[in-house]
């Protein structure tokens, strides 16, 4: 994607590197337990509108998605309040998560945290994800007057 800095984005607790999964639909499986963390760094400030997780019934699909503003560590997840938290609902292989208008309106980094899976299995797996949103445009107001009166 022209909006994500691949070199500054990563996926943790899986057997894959971010570069291996970027732009592809391949199975992502947790490594040592059921948790997965994905850090995304954007090239500019963005507003996140929706996040999709993809999977099929043969996988131990994520049970929940938590989204944090910024890059966070695994050990901070329980201490911080996510900007978004929602149970997954895979219909026809996709679980869509609409982000409220007042959440994640001007961010350059997000962390996607998957705490577990629907089956209670030791590993969580899914086929990919997508982030949908808008880029924020900077407006240069130098030299312009605002307000009323003189």
Protein backbone atom coordinates (compact mmCIF):
# COMPACT_ATOMS: atom_id res chain seq x y z
CA UNK A 1 0.00 0.00 0.00
CA UNK A 2 1.15 3.51 -0.67
CA UNK A 3 0.05 4.50 2.87
CA UNK A 4 1.97 2.00 5.04
CA UNK A 5 5.68 2.10 5.84
CA UNK A 6 6.52 -1.60 5.62
CA UNK A 7 9.96 -1.25 7.24
CA UNK A 8 8.38 0.29 10.37
CA UNK A 9 5.44 -2.13 10.57
CA UNK A 10 5.62 -5.57 12.14
CA UNK A 11 3.67 -8.63 13.20
CA UNK A 12 4.54 -10.24 16.54
CA UNK A 13 4.16 -13.78 17.88
CA UNK A 14 3.87 -15.43 14.46
CA UNK A 15 6.18 -17.39 12.20
CA UNK A 16 5.90 -14.69 9.51
CA UNK A 17 7.63 -11.36 8.96
CA UNK A 18 5.46 -8.35 8.04
CA UNK A 19 7.03 -8.20 4.57
CA UNK A 20 5.86 -11.80 3.95
CA UNK A 21 2.19 -11.03 4.66
CA UNK A 22 1.94 -7.49 3.27
CA UNK A 23 -0.58 -7.38 0.42
CA UNK A 24 -1.10 -11.14 0.41
CA UNK A 25 -3.77 -13.53 1.60
CA UNK A 26 -1.71 -16.16 3.41
CA UNK A 27 -2.38 -17.92 6.68
CA UNK A 28 -1.10 -16.03 9.71
CA UNK A 29 -0.70 -18.31 12.74
CA UNK A 30 0.30 -17.38 16.27
CA UNK A 31 3.60 -18.82 17.44
CA UNK A 32 3.90 -19.48 21.18
CA UNK A 33 0.32 -18.87 22.33
CA UNK A 34 -2.99 -17.61 20.93
CA UNK A 35 -2.14 -13.88 20.94
CA UNK A 36 -1.09 -11.87 17.87
CA UNK A 37 -0.02 -8.22 17.67
CA UNK A 38 0.28 -6.23 14.44
CA UNK A 39 1.90 -2.77 14.41
CA UNK A 40 1.16 -0.55 11.39
CA UNK A 41 2.97 2.72 10.68
CA UNK A 42 1.41 5.05 8.12
CA UNK A 43 3.25 7.54 5.92
CA UNK A 44 0.98 10.33 7.11
CA UNK A 45 -1.87 10.97 9.51
CA UNK A 46 -4.94 8.90 8.68
CA UNK A 47 -8.49 8.35 9.92
CA UNK A 48 -9.31 4.66 10.33
CA UNK A 49 -12.87 3.77 9.23
CA UNK A 50 -12.94 -0.05 9.13
CA UNK A 51 -10.74 -3.05 9.73
CA UNK A 52 -11.40 -6.45 8.16
CA UNK A 53 -10.07 -9.82 9.26
CA UNK A 54 -10.20 -12.68 6.74
CA UNK A 55 -10.41 -16.37 7.51
CA UNK A 56 -12.16 -19.66 6.89
CA UNK A 57 -13.76 -22.31 9.08
CA UNK A 58 -10.68 -24.53 8.87
CA UNK A 59 -8.78 -22.00 10.98
CA UNK A 60 -8.77 -21.17 14.69
CA UNK A 61 -10.22 -17.74 13.97
CA UNK A 62 -9.70 -14.70 16.21
CA UNK A 63 -12.44 -14.19 18.79
CA UNK A 64 -11.85 -10.47 19.30
CA UNK A 65 -10.04 -7.49 17.81
CA UNK A 66 -8.61 -4.65 19.88
CA UNK A 67 -7.15 -1.57 18.19
CA UNK A 68 -4.80 0.84 19.97
CA UNK A 69 -3.69 4.28 18.82
CA UNK A 70 0.10 4.06 18.55
CA UNK A 71 2.56 1.21 18.85
CA UNK A 72 2.22 -0.69 22.13
CA UNK A 73 4.04 -3.62 23.71
CA UNK A 74 2.42 -6.94 24.61
CA UNK A 75 2.97 -6.30 28.32
CA UNK A 76 1.03 -2.98 28.16
CA UNK A 77 -2.15 -4.37 26.53
CA UNK A 78 -4.00 -5.05 29.78
CA UNK A 79 -3.01 -1.65 31.24
CA UNK A 80 -4.23 0.47 28.32
CA UNK A 81 -7.74 1.07 27.02
CA UNK A 82 -8.12 0.24 23.33
CA UNK A 83 -9.58 2.85 20.97
CA UNK A 84 -11.72 0.01 19.58
CA UNK A 85 -12.68 -3.39 20.97
CA UNK A 86 -15.11 -5.79 19.35
CA UNK A 87 -15.97 -9.47 19.06
CA UNK A 88 -15.37 -11.02 15.66
CA UNK A 89 -18.25 -12.22 13.51
CA UNK A 90 -16.96 -14.05 10.46
CA UNK A 91 -19.59 -14.02 7.71
CA UNK A 92 -18.55 -15.48 4.37
CA UNK A 93 -14.95 -15.48 5.57
CA UNK A 94 -14.77 -11.84 6.69
CA UNK A 95 -15.18 -10.09 10.04
CA UNK A 96 -15.73 -6.34 9.53
CA UNK A 97 -15.09 -3.85 12.34
CA UNK A 98 -16.48 -0.33 11.90
CA UNK A 99 -14.52 2.27 13.83
CA UNK A 100 -16.61 5.11 15.35
CA UNK A 101 -16.16 8.58 13.86
CA UNK A 102 -14.58 9.97 17.03
CA UNK A 103 -11.99 7.18 17.33
CA UNK A 104 -8.68 7.02 15.48
CA UNK A 105 -9.29 10.26 13.57
CA UNK A 106 -5.68 11.44 13.28
CA UNK A 107 -3.20 8.64 13.80
CA UNK A 108 0.06 7.65 12.17
CA UNK A 109 0.43 4.32 14.01
CA UNK A 110 -1.98 1.66 15.21
CA UNK A 111 -1.60 -1.67 16.96
CA UNK A 112 -4.03 -4.51 16.23
CA UNK A 113 -4.21 -6.99 19.11
CA UNK A 114 -5.86 -10.39 18.85
CA UNK A 115 -6.09 -11.88 22.36
CA UNK A 116 -7.39 -15.34 21.45
CA UNK A 117 -9.51 -17.50 19.19
CA UNK A 118 -13.05 -18.86 19.02
CA UNK A 119 -12.05 -22.48 19.67
CA UNK A 120 -9.89 -21.99 22.76
CA UNK A 121 -7.00 -23.54 20.82
CA UNK A 122 -3.34 -22.87 21.59
CA UNK A 123 -2.87 -21.14 18.24
CA UNK A 124 -4.88 -18.46 16.46
CA UNK A 125 -4.89 -18.33 12.67
CA UNK A 126 -6.48 -16.23 9.95
CA UNK A 127 -5.88 -15.45 6.28
CA UNK A 128 -5.16 -11.74 6.34
CA UNK A 129 -6.46 -8.32 7.20
CA UNK A 130 -7.23 -4.96 5.62
CA UNK A 131 -7.43 -1.44 7.02
CA UNK A 132 -9.75 1.11 5.39
CA UNK A 133 -9.67 4.83 6.02
CA UNK A 134 -8.92 8.31 4.79
CA UNK A 135 -5.72 10.27 4.64
CA UNK A 136 -5.71 13.52 6.58
CA UNK A 137 -4.61 16.53 4.56
CA UNK A 138 -2.56 19.29 6.11
CA UNK A 139 -3.91 22.76 5.43
CA UNK A 140 -1.48 25.66 5.31
CA UNK A 141 -3.17 28.64 6.98
CA UNK A 142 -0.18 31.00 6.97
CA UNK A 143 -1.11 34.38 5.56
CA UNK A 144 -4.86 33.84 5.93
CA UNK A 145 -7.08 35.79 8.33
CA UNK A 146 -9.86 34.09 10.24
CA UNK A 147 -12.58 35.48 12.48
CA UNK A 148 -15.06 38.32 12.48
CA UNK A 149 -14.67 42.06 12.67
CA UNK A 150 -11.63 44.11 12.09
